């Protein structure tokens, strides 16, 4: 049975700036999609392609804390660097992903890689926040740097496109990301007229972001930069590209627990939020310059 579509959300209003290096359209949470409705996903920011131009300083977001969830940054164009208080650092380029588990608490910063910041150029990325269940919110913070070459690869028949499997399983091909709850994350590229079919668990909360182009999703048109939210009914998803297109398909098993958030902290109770703030203020998240 085809997975039914609940709604198609067009690109939200005007973009907002995160620091001075990320010009994002926010889809989750929003008036159309709540965190509870799309659990385990807490946030979806999309930096549609934009050229920031050359800069005499490195653009980005300075040191800030996180606790209780994971941040997932997917690079489509440009270069993004990362440092955190766990001693991790790295640079991701087109096709790469950085997956940071904040867990019990961490400090990090994300910014345009130095050379890229100096020269400028097309920049395009997605950031997702993925919730952790209560039992894992105090797991030690850690970091996965997932390079394009290590993604699960699916070459579609007749050379109509490719699927990079970041997490979960696409038609029998697994992705490299280690997750705490069942999550699928598929980076799909299709030529004009290219199509594919896959199945997603009916119980998963499922969405699709059109990064570029325009596609038919189970027979309904989803234009560029729109987000498709599926109902929790049916399993089959069929995508056909009206033009050369890039889409991000995501799904996850809902975490049926309370969500209490305060800025960069996501816990289950208000008391836990107060404790997270105390932990941060007392230096338990480490040091990062």
Protein backbone atom coordinates (compact mmCIF):
# COMPACT_ATOMS: atom_id res chain seq x y z
CA UNK A 1 0.00 0.00 0.00
CA UNK A 2 1.28 3.47 -0.88
CA UNK A 3 2.21 5.73 2.01
CA UNK A 4 -0.39 8.47 2.13
CA UNK A 5 0.64 12.14 2.06
CA UNK A 6 -0.64 14.28 4.91
CA UNK A 7 0.55 17.65 3.58
CA UNK A 8 3.10 19.36 1.35
CA UNK A 9 4.67 22.41 2.98
CA UNK A 10 6.15 25.09 0.71
CA UNK A 11 9.40 26.89 1.57
CA UNK A 12 8.83 28.92 4.75
CA UNK A 13 8.85 32.74 4.35
CA UNK A 14 12.17 34.49 4.70
CA UNK A 15 15.39 32.77 5.77
CA UNK A 16 16.93 33.45 9.16
CA UNK A 17 20.60 33.69 10.03
CA UNK A 18 22.27 31.25 12.41
CA UNK A 19 25.48 32.98 13.38
CA UNK A 20 26.79 34.69 10.26
CA UNK A 21 27.44 31.56 8.20
CA UNK A 22 24.13 29.75 7.88
CA UNK A 23 21.19 31.32 6.03
CA UNK A 24 18.43 28.85 6.76
CA UNK A 25 14.80 28.14 6.09
CA UNK A 26 13.26 26.39 9.10
CA UNK A 27 10.74 23.60 8.46
CA UNK A 28 10.73 21.84 11.85
CA UNK A 29 9.41 22.86 14.29
CA UNK A 30 6.90 25.20 12.73
CA UNK A 31 3.25 26.07 12.49
CA UNK A 32 2.78 23.21 10.04
CA UNK A 33 4.87 20.48 11.72
CA UNK A 34 5.42 20.04 15.46
CA UNK A 35 8.28 18.19 17.14
CA UNK A 36 5.86 15.62 18.50
CA UNK A 37 4.37 14.99 15.05
CA UNK A 38 7.73 14.31 13.37
CA UNK A 39 9.56 12.64 16.31
CA UNK A 40 12.42 11.69 16.53
CA UNK A 41 13.30 14.75 14.42
CA UNK A 42 13.35 17.95 16.46
CA UNK A 43 14.60 20.51 13.95
CA UNK A 44 15.13 20.80 10.22
CA UNK A 45 17.04 23.83 8.90
CA UNK A 46 17.85 24.10 5.19
CA UNK A 47 20.49 26.47 3.85
CA UNK A 48 19.31 26.61 0.23
CA UNK A 49 22.15 27.32 -2.20
CA UNK A 50 23.62 30.74 -1.47
CA UNK A 51 26.96 32.39 -2.20
CA UNK A 52 28.14 34.32 0.85
CA UNK A 53 31.04 35.78 -1.14
CA UNK A 54 34.66 36.16 0.05
CA UNK A 55 35.15 37.04 3.71
CA UNK A 56 38.05 38.49 5.70
CA UNK A 57 36.88 36.47 8.71
CA UNK A 58 35.64 32.91 9.09
CA UNK A 59 31.84 32.79 8.97
CA UNK A 60 29.89 30.43 11.18
CA UNK A 61 28.52 29.81 14.66
CA UNK A 62 30.77 30.32 17.68
CA UNK A 63 31.01 28.06 20.72
CA UNK A 64 27.64 26.90 22.09
CA UNK A 65 26.32 23.94 24.13
CA UNK A 66 24.03 21.00 23.36
CA UNK A 67 22.57 18.26 25.54
CA UNK A 68 20.07 15.42 25.14
CA UNK A 69 19.99 14.91 21.34
CA UNK A 70 22.09 14.63 18.16
CA UNK A 71 22.99 17.18 15.49
CA UNK A 72 23.33 15.96 11.90
CA UNK A 73 24.86 18.26 9.28
CA UNK A 74 24.65 17.22 5.62
CA UNK A 75 26.84 19.12 3.14
CA UNK A 76 25.66 19.56 -0.44
CA UNK A 77 27.92 22.43 -1.55
CA UNK A 78 30.77 24.21 0.22
CA UNK A 79 32.93 23.13 3.16
CA UNK A 80 32.00 23.07 6.86
CA UNK A 81 34.45 22.69 9.76
CA UNK A 82 33.66 21.42 13.26
CA UNK A 83 35.34 21.51 16.68
CA UNK A 84 33.96 20.27 19.98
CA UNK A 85 34.97 20.03 23.62
CA UNK A 86 35.46 16.27 23.26
CA UNK A 87 38.54 16.98 21.16
CA UNK A 88 36.89 16.12 17.86
CA UNK A 89 37.42 18.19 14.73
CA UNK A 90 36.95 17.75 11.03
CA UNK A 91 35.88 19.20 7.71
CA UNK A 92 33.00 17.97 5.58
CA UNK A 93 32.52 18.67 1.89
CA UNK A 94 29.79 17.86 -0.63
CA UNK A 95 28.30 14.45 0.14
CA UNK A 96 29.78 14.23 3.64
CA UNK A 97 27.90 14.23 6.94
CA UNK A 98 28.88 15.08 10.51
CA UNK A 99 26.80 13.34 13.16
CA UNK A 100 27.36 14.62 16.69
CA UNK A 101 25.77 12.93 19.70
CA UNK A 102 25.53 15.63 22.37
CA UNK A 103 24.27 13.13 24.96
CA UNK A 104 25.29 14.24 28.46
CA UNK A 105 26.52 17.57 27.17
CA UNK A 106 29.11 19.10 24.84
CA UNK A 107 30.34 22.41 23.49
CA UNK A 108 30.90 22.81 19.75
CA UNK A 109 31.27 25.30 16.95
CA UNK A 110 30.55 25.01 13.23
CA UNK A 111 31.86 27.35 10.60
CA UNK A 112 32.86 27.65 6.97
CA UNK A 113 36.20 25.95 6.37
CA UNK A 114 38.91 28.64 6.32
CA UNK A 115 39.87 28.53 2.63
CA UNK A 116 36.24 28.31 1.53
CA UNK A 117 35.33 31.26 3.77
CA UNK A 118 38.07 33.37 2.20
CA UNK A 119 37.10 32.57 -1.39
CA UNK A 120 33.31 32.20 -1.06
CA UNK A 121 31.20 30.14 -3.42
CA UNK A 122 27.93 28.18 -3.49
CA UNK A 123 26.98 26.92 -0.03
CA UNK A 124 24.17 24.43 0.57
CA UNK A 125 23.51 22.28 3.62
CA UNK A 126 20.89 20.71 5.87
CA UNK A 127 20.97 20.45 9.64
CA UNK A 128 18.76 18.00 11.49
CA UNK A 129 18.35 17.57 15.23
CA UNK A 130 17.51 13.98 16.19
CA UNK A 131 16.12 13.28 19.65
CA UNK A 132 17.57 10.70 22.03
CA UNK A 133 15.34 8.50 24.18
CA UNK A 134 15.45 9.16 27.94
CA UNK A 135 17.72 6.17 28.58
CA UNK A 136 20.38 7.59 26.24
CA UNK A 137 20.24 11.30 27.05
CA UNK A 138 23.21 10.93 29.41
CA UNK A 139 25.34 8.87 27.05
CA UNK A 140 28.91 10.22 26.68
CA UNK A 141 29.09 12.78 23.88
CA UNK A 142 30.77 11.57 20.68
CA UNK A 143 31.10 12.33 16.98
CA UNK A 144 30.79 10.45 13.68
CA UNK A 145 32.41 11.92 10.58
CA UNK A 146 30.74 10.17 7.64
CA UNK A 147 32.54 10.71 4.36
CA UNK A 148 30.82 10.42 0.97
CA UNK A 149 33.04 7.50 -0.03
CA UNK A 150 31.81 5.48 2.95
CA UNK A 151 28.07 5.93 2.39
CA UNK A 152 25.88 3.05 1.37
CA UNK A 153 25.59 3.35 -2.42
CA UNK A 154 22.67 2.38 -4.62
CA UNK A 155 23.00 2.89 -8.38
CA UNK A 156 19.50 2.90 -9.81
CA UNK A 157 18.70 0.86 -12.92
CA UNK A 158 19.18 2.47 -16.34
CA UNK A 159 21.46 5.14 -14.83
CA UNK A 160 18.53 7.29 -13.68
CA UNK A 161 20.09 8.22 -10.37
CA UNK A 162 21.82 7.29 -7.15
CA UNK A 163 20.94 6.92 -3.48
CA UNK A 164 23.50 7.66 -0.78
CA UNK A 165 22.34 5.81 2.32
CA UNK A 166 23.45 7.84 5.35
CA UNK A 167 21.50 5.93 7.98
CA UNK A 168 19.14 2.99 8.03
CA UNK A 169 18.48 0.69 5.10
CA UNK A 170 17.41 1.45 1.53
CA UNK A 171 16.24 -1.60 -0.41
CA UNK A 172 18.78 -3.81 1.35
CA UNK A 173 21.71 -1.38 1.41
CA UNK A 174 22.72 -0.06 4.85
CA UNK A 175 24.18 3.31 5.76
CA UNK A 176 27.20 3.87 8.05
CA UNK A 177 25.59 6.07 10.73
CA UNK A 178 25.10 4.45 14.12
CA UNK A 179 21.78 5.55 15.62
CA UNK A 180 20.08 5.10 19.00
CA UNK A 181 16.61 4.53 17.56
CA UNK A 182 15.57 3.35 14.08
CA UNK A 183 16.29 6.18 11.61
CA UNK A 184 16.46 6.22 7.81
CA UNK A 185 18.25 9.07 6.04
CA UNK A 186 18.60 8.87 2.26
CA UNK A 187 20.27 11.42 -0.05
CA UNK A 188 18.64 10.80 -3.45
CA UNK A 189 19.72 12.21 -6.82
CA UNK A 190 17.58 11.62 -9.92
CA UNK A 191 17.96 12.54 -13.57
CA UNK A 192 14.97 14.05 -15.40
CA UNK A 193 12.37 11.29 -15.63
CA UNK A 194 14.28 9.13 -13.16
CA UNK A 195 12.22 7.21 -10.64
CA UNK A 196 12.50 4.86 -7.70
CA UNK A 197 10.35 2.93 -5.26
CA UNK A 198 11.14 2.06 -1.67
CA UNK A 199 9.27 0.98 1.46
CA UNK A 200 9.28 2.71 4.84
CA UNK A 201 7.78 1.21 7.99
CA UNK A 202 4.17 2.39 8.31
CA UNK A 203 4.78 3.39 11.93
CA UNK A 204 7.71 5.68 11.13
CA UNK A 205 7.24 9.43 11.00
CA UNK A 206 8.38 10.22 7.48
CA UNK A 207 9.23 13.33 5.47
CA UNK A 208 10.90 14.34 2.23
CA UNK A 209 12.69 17.62 1.48
CA UNK A 210 13.16 18.67 -2.15
CA UNK A 211 16.66 20.15 -2.15
CA UNK A 212 16.65 20.90 -5.89
CA UNK A 213 14.26 20.32 -8.77
CA UNK A 214 10.70 19.04 -8.71
CA UNK A 215 9.33 15.54 -8.16
CA UNK A 216 6.15 13.52 -8.17
CA UNK A 217 5.76 11.75 -4.82
CA UNK A 218 3.14 9.03 -4.87
CA UNK A 219 1.50 10.97 -7.68
CA UNK A 220 1.53 14.43 -6.04
CA UNK A 221 3.78 17.28 -7.20
CA UNK A 222 6.40 18.48 -4.72
CA UNK A 223 8.19 21.56 -6.03
CA UNK A 224 11.66 22.83 -5.25
CA UNK A 225 12.31 23.46 -1.53
CA UNK A 226 9.00 21.94 -0.45
CA UNK A 227 8.64 19.40 2.36
CA UNK A 228 6.36 16.36 2.11
CA UNK A 229 4.93 14.99 5.36
CA UNK A 230 3.54 11.47 5.11
CA UNK A 231 0.77 9.93 7.14
CA UNK A 232 1.53 6.91 9.32
CA UNK A 233 -0.33 4.66 6.96
CA UNK A 234 1.03 2.59 4.11
CA UNK A 235 4.65 1.80 3.33
CA UNK A 236 5.47 2.31 -0.35
CA UNK A 237 6.99 5.58 -1.60
CA UNK A 238 7.41 6.22 -5.31
CA UNK A 239 9.40 9.24 -6.50
CA UNK A 240 9.67 10.42 -10.10
CA UNK A 241 11.72 13.46 -11.08
CA UNK A 242 10.07 16.07 -13.30
CA UNK A 243 13.57 17.49 -13.85
CA UNK A 244 17.03 16.76 -12.50
CA UNK A 245 16.38 16.65 -8.75
CA UNK A 246 17.92 16.08 -5.33
CA UNK A 247 15.74 15.00 -2.41
CA UNK A 248 16.37 14.04 1.21
CA UNK A 249 14.11 11.27 2.49
CA UNK A 250 13.97 10.82 6.26
CA UNK A 251 12.03 8.57 8.59
CA UNK A 252 12.24 7.43 12.18
CA UNK A 253 10.46 5.45 14.83
CA UNK A 254 8.65 7.93 17.10
CA UNK A 255 10.03 8.35 20.62
CA UNK A 256 6.89 8.30 22.75
CA UNK A 257 8.24 10.40 25.61
CA UNK A 258 7.72 13.98 26.79
CA UNK A 259 9.78 16.64 25.00
CA UNK A 260 10.90 19.62 27.09
CA UNK A 261 13.32 21.94 25.34
CA UNK A 262 15.13 25.14 26.18
CA UNK A 263 17.34 26.45 23.37
CA UNK A 264 20.11 23.88 22.83
CA UNK A 265 18.89 21.49 25.56
CA UNK A 266 16.23 18.83 24.92
CA UNK A 267 15.16 16.70 27.87
CA UNK A 268 12.02 15.03 29.27
CA UNK A 269 11.20 17.28 32.24
CA UNK A 270 11.62 20.89 33.29
CA UNK A 271 13.76 19.73 36.20
CA UNK A 272 16.16 18.07 33.77
CA UNK A 273 16.38 21.32 31.81
CA UNK A 274 17.35 23.18 35.00
CA UNK A 275 20.00 20.52 35.66
CA UNK A 276 21.34 20.87 32.10
CA UNK A 277 21.70 24.62 32.59
CA UNK A 278 23.46 24.07 35.94
CA UNK A 279 25.79 21.50 34.33
CA UNK A 280 26.66 23.92 31.55
CA UNK A 281 27.24 26.84 33.93
CA UNK A 282 29.44 24.70 36.18
CA UNK A 283 31.71 23.67 33.29
CA UNK A 284 30.65 20.02 33.03
CA UNK A 285 30.42 20.30 29.22
CA UNK A 286 34.17 20.85 28.97
CA UNK A 287 36.19 23.69 27.50
CA UNK A 288 36.36 24.92 23.91
CA UNK A 289 38.03 28.11 22.77
